Amino acid sequence: MDEAGKSRRESDPAPAPGVGICVLNWNGWRDTLECLESLRKQDYPNRLVIVVDNHSQNESAKKICSWAKTNLGGGAYNDYTGEAARAGGDEFDEGILSAVKSPDRLVLIRNEENTGFTGGCNTAIEYALKRPNPPDYIFLLNNDATLESDCLTRLMEVAKESGAAIVGAVLLDESGRKAIFNGRISMLRQFFTPIVDWHLPPPATTKDYWPTDCAHGGAMLVSSGALRAIGKARGEYLRAGLFMYHEGAEFHHHAARLGYRAVVAKRAVVLHKNARSSGGTENPLAYYYSERNRIVVANAVLPFGWKALFHLVNLPLISARILKNVVRRRWAEARAILEGFGDAYRGRLGKWRRHDEQGAARGAGAGDV
């Protein structure tokens, strides 16, 4: 190589760190396609979209395939079973995928069963970290969310500036006018809601980020190094038995114990439908998993004294929620709360035995389950 060529090579900028974007779908293909459209408009130059179809009972996988064939043009679209994905995909197909430009890269993983938010994320993470060209970061994103075009760039800038392994976004409602999450999450306070507010205001700062105990799981960037360390220490990334809800608190607890901290990027904006895909925040599915997993995760992360107080306070709170739904003649919701409470103390984790019937009854569009 002559001196001029050597000089040009040395002056070439380093490639941007790779980001694998994990989006889960369960029967909610309309929301998922809106999410994919917004991801194609991201200005970050090195990304791969990974869609996990969590054993949908409708034509979701077909709709996502059709969208990919129409919108990716000459790009690369890989379609894997869950088993093939967890092995890192096909080496030849992965080589083609890595060679095309970012907006035209997509992987669809068809899970053999509905493994919930936790299981679906674990599948996507395992695929991403085992593929021949693993990304430097994983971005966990709810399918009922859309991003401002510079969101991923803002998250990556904060990751570099702060040195944090976990970077969360600011979440607004669909209109962009109302905040769903734009502050800090207290590890302790979230177990004592609604007595105290889990959502604390951000500190006054001139920086583009602020520290938090937990980032919002609806839009959370995590370094691959942190994920590998957590997976090695625990045998899994997110606890699969939780299925959905409150898995973020336990994940952050283990990350913090390993020395990985979290921040929120104040200029990384995500518009979120706030659980619309799972039927809202007051339905049997949400009630069951939220009530069960709050107890399970509290037992896992709270110190002894706070744990004792939690169980003392939680019983009347559970009773009040059940009574509220009985008064409103919401029998399915009241039963879900009671069963979640009982299963937590029996140690029954995994998929709720009424999950499928409740999903079918509500026209199930729960992208995060």
Protein backbone atom coordinates (compact mmCIF):
# COMPACT_ATOMS: atom_id res chain seq x y z
CA MET A 1 0.00 0.00 0.00
CA ASP A 2 1.42 3.43 -0.93
CA GLU A 3 1.65 6.23 1.63
CA ALA A 4 -1.41 8.03 0.23
CA GLY A 5 -3.52 4.89 0.53
CA LYS A 6 -2.23 4.21 4.02
CA SER A 7 -3.06 7.77 5.08
CA ARG A 8 -6.61 7.46 3.72
CA ARG A 9 -7.09 4.12 5.53
CA GLU A 10 -5.88 5.57 8.84
CA SER A 11 -8.15 8.58 8.51
CA ASP A 12 -11.31 6.52 7.81
CA PRO A 13 -13.78 6.91 10.67
CA ALA A 14 -14.46 3.88 12.81
CA PRO A 15 -17.75 2.15 11.96
CA ALA A 16 -20.68 2.98 14.20
CA PRO A 17 -21.39 0.33 16.87
CA GLY A 18 -23.97 -2.17 15.73
CA VAL A 19 -27.45 -2.21 17.29
CA GLY A 20 -29.90 -5.11 17.19
CA ILE A 21 -33.48 -3.86 17.60
CA CYS A 22 -35.79 -6.43 19.21
CA VAL A 23 -39.54 -6.09 18.53
CA LEU A 24 -42.03 -8.69 19.81
CA ASN A 25 -45.31 -9.46 18.07
CA TRP A 26 -48.24 -11.54 19.27
CA ASN A 27 -51.27 -11.13 17.00
CA GLY A 28 -50.57 -7.37 16.84
CA TRP A 29 -49.25 -7.05 13.29
CA ARG A 30 -50.85 -3.65 12.63
CA ASP A 31 -48.94 -2.04 15.50
CA THR A 32 -45.82 -3.95 14.54
CA LEU A 33 -45.89 -2.66 10.96
CA GLU A 34 -46.25 0.92 12.20
CA CYS A 35 -43.24 0.30 14.43
CA LEU A 36 -41.22 -1.13 11.53
CA GLU A 37 -42.07 1.87 9.36
CA SER A 38 -40.66 4.20 12.01
CA LEU A 39 -37.54 2.07 12.37
CA ARG A 40 -36.83 2.36 8.64
CA LYS A 41 -36.69 6.14 9.10
CA GLN A 42 -34.04 6.04 11.83
CA ASP A 43 -30.90 7.98 10.94
CA TYR A 44 -28.55 5.70 12.87
CA PRO A 45 -26.26 3.99 10.29
CA ASN A 46 -25.67 0.48 11.71
CA ARG A 47 -28.74 -1.43 12.85
CA LEU A 48 -30.57 -4.70 12.41
CA VAL A 49 -34.28 -5.17 13.14
CA ILE A 50 -35.22 -8.49 14.77
CA VAL A 51 -38.96 -9.26 14.94
CA VAL A 52 -39.99 -12.19 17.14
CA ASP A 53 -43.45 -13.48 16.30
CA ASN A 54 -44.49 -15.10 19.57
CA HIS A 55 -46.58 -17.90 18.05
CA SER A 56 -49.38 -15.63 16.87
CA GLN A 57 -52.80 -17.18 16.27
CA ASN A 58 -53.62 -14.88 13.36
CA GLU A 59 -51.90 -13.95 10.09
CA SER A 60 -49.25 -11.77 11.77
CA ALA A 61 -46.23 -13.64 10.38
CA LYS A 62 -47.70 -13.56 6.86
CA LYS A 63 -48.37 -9.81 7.12
CA ILE A 64 -44.83 -9.10 8.38
CA CYS A 65 -43.36 -11.22 5.54
CA SER A 66 -45.42 -9.35 2.98
CA TRP A 67 -44.31 -5.99 4.40
CA ALA A 68 -40.66 -7.07 4.27
CA LYS A 69 -40.88 -8.20 0.64
CA THR A 70 -42.57 -4.95 -0.35
CA ASN A 71 -40.44 -2.50 1.62
CA LEU A 72 -36.95 -3.95 1.79
CA GLY A 73 -36.35 -3.81 -1.95
CA GLY A 74 -33.00 -5.38 -2.70
CA GLY A 75 -32.23 -5.88 0.98
CA ALA A 76 -31.92 -9.00 3.05
CA TYR A 77 -34.78 -10.67 4.92
CA ASN A 78 -34.06 -13.78 6.96
CA ASP A 79 -36.86 -15.99 8.27
CA TYR A 80 -35.96 -18.39 11.11
CA THR A 81 -37.66 -20.77 13.47
CA GLY A 82 -37.04 -20.04 17.13
CA GLU A 83 -34.71 -23.04 17.33
CA ALA A 84 -32.62 -21.89 14.36
CA ALA A 85 -32.45 -18.34 15.70
CA ARG A 86 -31.27 -19.45 19.13
CA ALA A 87 -28.38 -21.21 17.37
CA GLY A 88 -27.33 -17.94 15.72
CA GLY A 89 -29.07 -18.34 12.35
CA ASP A 90 -27.61 -19.58 9.07
CA GLU A 91 -24.03 -18.51 8.38
CA PHE A 92 -24.54 -17.93 4.65
CA ASP A 93 -27.75 -15.94 5.10
CA GLU A 94 -26.18 -13.95 7.91
CA GLY A 95 -23.32 -12.96 5.60
CA ILE A 96 -25.79 -11.60 3.06
CA LEU A 97 -27.65 -9.77 5.82
CA SER A 98 -24.53 -8.03 7.08
CA ALA A 99 -23.59 -6.87 3.58
CA VAL A 100 -26.69 -4.76 2.87
CA LYS A 101 -27.44 -1.30 4.19
CA SER A 102 -29.15 -0.92 7.56
CA PRO A 103 -32.68 0.13 6.50
CA ASP A 104 -32.96 -3.06 4.42
CA ARG A 105 -32.00 -5.60 7.11
CA LEU A 106 -34.72 -7.56 8.89
CA VAL A 107 -34.94 -10.93 10.63
CA LEU A 108 -38.24 -12.60 11.46
CA ILE A 109 -38.10 -15.27 14.15
CA ARG A 110 -41.14 -17.51 14.49
CA ASN A 111 -41.24 -18.83 18.05
CA GLU A 112 -42.64 -22.34 18.35
CA GLU A 113 -44.75 -21.29 21.35
CA ASN A 114 -45.84 -18.11 23.08
CA THR A 115 -43.06 -17.52 25.59
CA GLY A 116 -44.18 -14.07 26.71
CA PHE A 117 -42.22 -10.83 26.70
CA THR A 118 -39.38 -12.36 28.69
CA GLY A 119 -39.06 -15.51 26.59
CA GLY A 120 -39.42 -13.64 23.33
CA CYS A 121 -36.74 -11.14 24.30
CA ASN A 122 -34.46 -13.96 25.41
CA THR A 123 -34.83 -15.58 21.98
CA ALA A 124 -33.98 -12.33 20.18
CA ILE A 125 -31.01 -11.62 22.45
CA GLU A 126 -29.64 -15.15 22.11
CA TYR A 127 -29.90 -14.95 18.33
CA ALA A 128 -28.24 -11.53 18.20
CA LEU A 129 -25.33 -12.50 20.44
CA LYS A 130 -24.69 -15.85 18.69
CA ARG A 131 -24.89 -14.64 15.08
CA PRO A 132 -21.56 -14.38 13.21
CA ASN A 133 -21.56 -10.58 13.43
CA PRO A 134 -23.12 -9.83 16.85
CA PRO A 135 -24.25 -6.25 17.58
CA ASP A 136 -22.63 -4.12 20.28
CA TYR A 137 -26.01 -3.19 21.75
CA ILE A 138 -29.54 -4.60 21.91
CA PHE A 139 -32.50 -2.21 21.83
CA LEU A 140 -35.65 -3.70 23.39
CA LEU A 141 -38.68 -1.95 21.92
CA ASN A 142 -42.40 -2.55 22.38
CA ASN A 143 -44.24 -3.17 19.12
CA ASP A 144 -46.88 -0.53 19.92
CA ALA A 145 -44.25 2.22 19.82
CA THR A 146 -42.88 4.51 17.11
CA LEU A 147 -39.66 6.50 17.29
CA GLU A 148 -38.60 9.99 16.34
CA SER A 149 -36.10 9.65 13.50
CA ASP A 150 -33.08 10.55 15.65
CA CYS A 151 -34.06 8.44 18.68
CA LEU A 152 -31.54 5.65 18.21
CA THR A 153 -28.75 8.15 17.47
CA ARG A 154 -29.57 10.03 20.68
CA LEU A 155 -29.51 6.81 22.71
CA MET A 156 -26.13 5.82 21.29
CA GLU A 157 -24.69 9.29 21.91
CA VAL A 158 -25.73 9.08 25.56
CA ALA A 159 -24.35 5.54 25.87
CA LYS A 160 -20.96 6.87 24.73
CA GLU A 161 -21.08 10.07 26.78
CA SER A 162 -22.32 8.51 30.03
CA GLY A 163 -20.54 5.16 29.88
CA ALA A 164 -23.78 3.54 31.11
CA ALA A 165 -24.61 0.02 29.94
CA ILE A 166 -28.37 0.67 29.97
CA VAL A 167 -29.94 3.73 28.33
CA GLY A 168 -33.67 4.36 28.38
CA ALA A 169 -35.74 6.70 26.23
CA VAL A 170 -38.39 9.25 27.10
CA LEU A 171 -41.89 7.89 26.37
CA LEU A 172 -44.78 10.10 25.27
CA ASP A 173 -48.31 9.16 24.28
CA GLU A 174 -49.37 8.79 20.64
CA SER A 175 -50.04 12.52 20.32
CA GLY A 176 -46.59 13.42 21.61
CA ARG A 177 -48.12 15.83 24.13
CA LYS A 178 -48.52 13.72 27.27
CA ALA A 179 -45.61 12.07 29.08
CA ILE A 180 -45.88 8.38 29.92
CA PHE A 181 -42.33 8.29 31.27
CA ASN A 182 -39.89 11.20 31.31
CA GLY A 183 -38.26 10.91 34.73
CA ARG A 184 -36.66 8.31 36.97
CA ILE A 185 -37.85 4.93 38.21
CA SER A 186 -37.17 4.19 41.86
CA MET A 187 -36.35 0.53 42.46
CA LEU A 188 -38.01 0.69 45.88
CA ARG A 189 -41.01 2.90 45.17
CA GLN A 190 -42.42 0.78 42.33
CA PHE A 191 -43.32 -1.93 44.86
CA PHE A 192 -45.33 0.50 46.99
CA THR A 193 -47.45 2.07 44.27
CA PRO A 194 -50.05 3.63 44.58
CA ILE A 195 -49.12 4.70 48.12
CA VAL A 196 -46.11 6.48 46.64
CA ASP A 197 -45.35 7.52 43.05
CA TRP A 198 -42.88 5.24 41.24
CA HIS A 199 -42.22 7.96 38.66
CA LEU A 200 -39.85 10.61 40.05
CA PRO A 201 -39.01 13.85 38.22
CA PRO A 202 -35.56 14.06 36.63
CA PRO A 203 -32.84 16.02 38.44
CA ALA A 204 -31.85 19.45 37.19
CA THR A 205 -28.94 18.89 34.82
CA THR A 206 -27.31 20.39 31.75
CA LYS A 207 -26.36 16.93 30.51
CA ASP A 208 -28.37 14.99 27.95
CA TYR A 209 -29.11 12.26 30.46
CA TRP A 210 -29.81 11.58 34.11
CA PRO A 211 -29.30 8.50 36.30
CA THR A 212 -32.16 6.17 37.21
CA ASP A 213 -32.58 2.90 39.11
CA CYS A 214 -34.38 1.42 36.10
CA ALA A 215 -34.97 2.40 32.49
CA HIS A 216 -38.44 1.95 31.02
CA GLY A 217 -38.60 -1.51 29.41
CA GLY A 218 -40.73 -0.23 26.51
CA ALA A 219 -37.66 1.35 24.90
CA MET A 220 -34.35 0.31 26.47
CA LEU A 221 -30.85 0.07 24.99
CA VAL A 222 -28.51 -2.47 26.67
CA SER A 223 -24.87 -3.20 25.88
CA SER A 224 -24.08 -6.70 24.70
CA GLY A 225 -21.35 -6.93 27.32
CA ALA A 226 -23.86 -6.35 30.11
CA LEU A 227 -26.26 -8.89 28.63
CA ARG A 228 -23.54 -11.53 28.37
CA ALA A 229 -22.48 -10.92 31.98
CA ILE A 230 -26.06 -11.12 33.26
CA GLY A 231 -26.75 -14.23 31.18
CA LYS A 232 -23.61 -15.90 32.49
CA ALA A 233 -24.43 -15.05 36.11
CA ARG A 234 -28.10 -16.11 35.95
CA GLY A 235 -28.38 -18.60 33.09
CA GLU A 236 -30.88 -16.32 31.30
CA TYR A 237 -31.18 -12.63 30.42
CA LEU A 238 -34.74 -11.97 31.60
CA ARG A 239 -36.41 -14.45 33.96
CA ALA A 240 -38.49 -16.52 31.57
CA GLY A 241 -40.98 -17.59 34.25
CA LEU A 242 -42.23 -14.02 34.75
CA PHE A 243 -43.67 -14.06 31.21
CA MET A 244 -44.46 -10.32 31.26
CA TYR A 245 -44.54 -7.33 33.66
CA HIS A 246 -42.01 -6.36 36.36
CA GLU A 247 -39.19 -8.26 34.68
CA GLY A 248 -37.37 -4.94 34.24
CA ALA A 249 -36.96 -4.37 37.98
CA GLU A 250 -35.32 -7.75 38.48
CA PHE A 251 -33.12 -7.27 35.40
CA HIS A 252 -31.87 -3.90 36.66
CA HIS A 253 -31.30 -5.32 40.12
CA HIS A 254 -28.95 -7.96 38.74
CA ALA A 255 -27.31 -5.47 36.37
CA ALA A 256 -26.57 -3.09 39.26
CA ARG A 257 -25.09 -5.92 41.34
CA LEU A 258 -22.68 -6.59 38.47
CA GLY A 259 -21.74 -2.90 38.25
CA TYR A 260 -23.85 -1.88 35.25
CA ARG A 261 -25.77 1.37 35.69
CA ALA A 262 -28.75 2.90 33.92
CA VAL A 263 -29.51 6.39 32.62
CA VAL A 264 -32.33 8.08 30.69
CA ALA A 265 -31.57 10.00 27.47
CA LYS A 266 -33.72 13.11 27.66
CA ARG A 267 -33.75 13.81 23.91
CA ALA A 268 -34.42 10.25 22.74
CA VAL A 269 -38.21 10.27 22.20
CA VAL A 270 -40.56 7.33 21.68
CA LEU A 271 -44.30 7.61 21.08
CA HIS A 272 -46.07 4.77 22.86
CA LYS A 273 -49.64 3.48 22.85
CA ASN A 274 -49.24 2.56 26.54
CA ALA A 275 -50.25 -1.11 26.61
CA ARG A 276 -52.97 -0.73 23.99
CA SER A 277 -51.65 -3.85 22.30
CA SER A 278 -52.25 -5.90 25.45
CA GLY A 279 -55.69 -4.45 25.99
CA GLY A 280 -54.72 -1.56 28.24
CA THR A 281 -53.56 -1.57 31.84
CA GLU A 282 -56.88 -2.70 33.38
CA ASN A 283 -57.67 -6.08 31.87
CA PRO A 284 -57.35 -9.65 33.19
CA LEU A 285 -54.03 -10.37 31.48
CA ALA A 286 -52.39 -7.21 32.79
CA TYR A 287 -53.87 -7.63 36.27
CA TYR A 288 -52.80 -11.26 36.62
CA TYR A 289 -49.16 -10.86 35.57
CA SER A 290 -48.73 -7.53 37.31
CA GLU A 291 -50.07 -8.76 40.65
CA ARG A 292 -48.25 -12.08 40.53
CA ASN A 293 -44.91 -10.76 39.37
CA ARG A 294 -44.86 -7.77 41.73
CA ILE A 295 -44.80 -10.25 44.61
CA VAL A 296 -42.27 -12.59 42.96
CA VAL A 297 -39.85 -9.79 42.05
CA ALA A 298 -40.22 -8.08 45.44
CA ASN A 299 -39.10 -11.34 47.05
CA ALA A 300 -36.10 -11.42 44.72
CA VAL A 301 -34.82 -7.84 44.99
CA LEU A 302 -35.98 -6.19 48.24
CA PRO A 303 -33.89 -6.29 51.42
CA PHE A 304 -35.48 -8.25 54.28
CA GLY A 305 -37.01 -5.30 56.14
CA TRP A 306 -38.51 -3.71 53.03
CA LYS A 307 -39.72 -7.13 51.89
CA ALA A 308 -41.61 -7.65 55.15
CA LEU A 309 -43.18 -4.19 54.84
CA PHE A 310 -44.13 -4.88 51.23
CA HIS A 311 -46.05 -8.03 52.11
CA LEU A 312 -47.78 -6.24 54.99
CA VAL A 313 -48.86 -3.35 52.75
CA ASN A 314 -49.62 -5.38 49.65
CA LEU A 315 -52.41 -7.49 51.16
CA PRO A 316 -54.83 -4.57 51.72
CA LEU A 317 -53.87 -3.10 48.34
CA ILE A 318 -54.71 -6.39 46.61
CA SER A 319 -57.98 -6.60 48.54
CA ALA A 320 -58.89 -3.06 47.49
CA ARG A 321 -58.22 -3.82 43.81
CA ILE A 322 -60.38 -6.93 43.95
CA LEU A 323 -63.21 -5.08 45.72
CA LYS A 324 -63.03 -2.21 43.23
CA ASN A 325 -63.54 -4.60 40.32
CA VAL A 326 -66.30 -6.54 42.09
CA VAL A 327 -68.21 -3.31 42.72
CA ARG A 328 -67.86 -2.50 39.01
CA ARG A 329 -69.01 -6.05 38.13
CA ARG A 330 -65.69 -6.76 36.43
CA TRP A 331 -65.64 -10.40 37.50
CA ALA A 332 -62.85 -11.58 35.18
CA GLU A 333 -60.56 -8.79 36.36
CA ALA A 334 -61.26 -9.52 40.04
CA ARG A 335 -60.58 -13.22 39.50
CA ALA A 336 -57.32 -12.45 37.65
CA ILE A 337 -56.03 -10.38 40.58
CA LEU A 338 -56.95 -13.09 43.07
CA GLU A 339 -55.34 -15.84 40.98
CA GLY A 340 -52.20 -13.78 40.46
CA PHE A 341 -51.92 -13.27 44.20
CA GLY A 342 -52.45 -16.95 44.93
CA ASP A 343 -50.05 -18.20 42.23
CA ALA A 344 -47.30 -15.88 43.49
CA TYR A 345 -47.37 -17.48 46.92
CA ARG A 346 -47.68 -20.97 45.44
CA GLY A 347 -44.61 -20.33 43.29
CA ARG A 348 -46.49 -20.86 40.03
CA LEU A 349 -44.73 -18.97 37.25
CA GLY A 350 -44.86 -19.09 33.46
CA LYS A 351 -47.91 -18.62 31.31
CA TRP A 352 -51.22 -18.08 33.11
CA ARG A 353 -53.63 -20.95 32.54
CA ARG A 354 -56.28 -18.46 31.35
CA HIS A 355 -53.92 -16.50 29.11
CA ASP A 356 -55.13 -17.82 25.77
CA GLU A 357 -58.82 -17.63 26.60
CA GLN A 358 -58.43 -14.05 27.82
CA GLY A 359 -56.40 -13.11 24.77
CA ALA A 360 -59.02 -14.59 22.47
CA ALA A 361 -61.84 -12.89 24.39
CA ARG A 362 -60.18 -9.49 23.94
CA GLY A 363 -59.29 -9.96 20.29
CA ALA A 364 -55.68 -10.31 21.53
CA GLY A 365 -53.25 -7.85 20.05
CA ALA A 366 -50.65 -8.10 22.76
CA GLY A 367 -47.36 -7.49 21.06
CA ASP A 368 -45.42 -7.75 24.29
CA VAL A 369 -46.86 -11.14 25.26
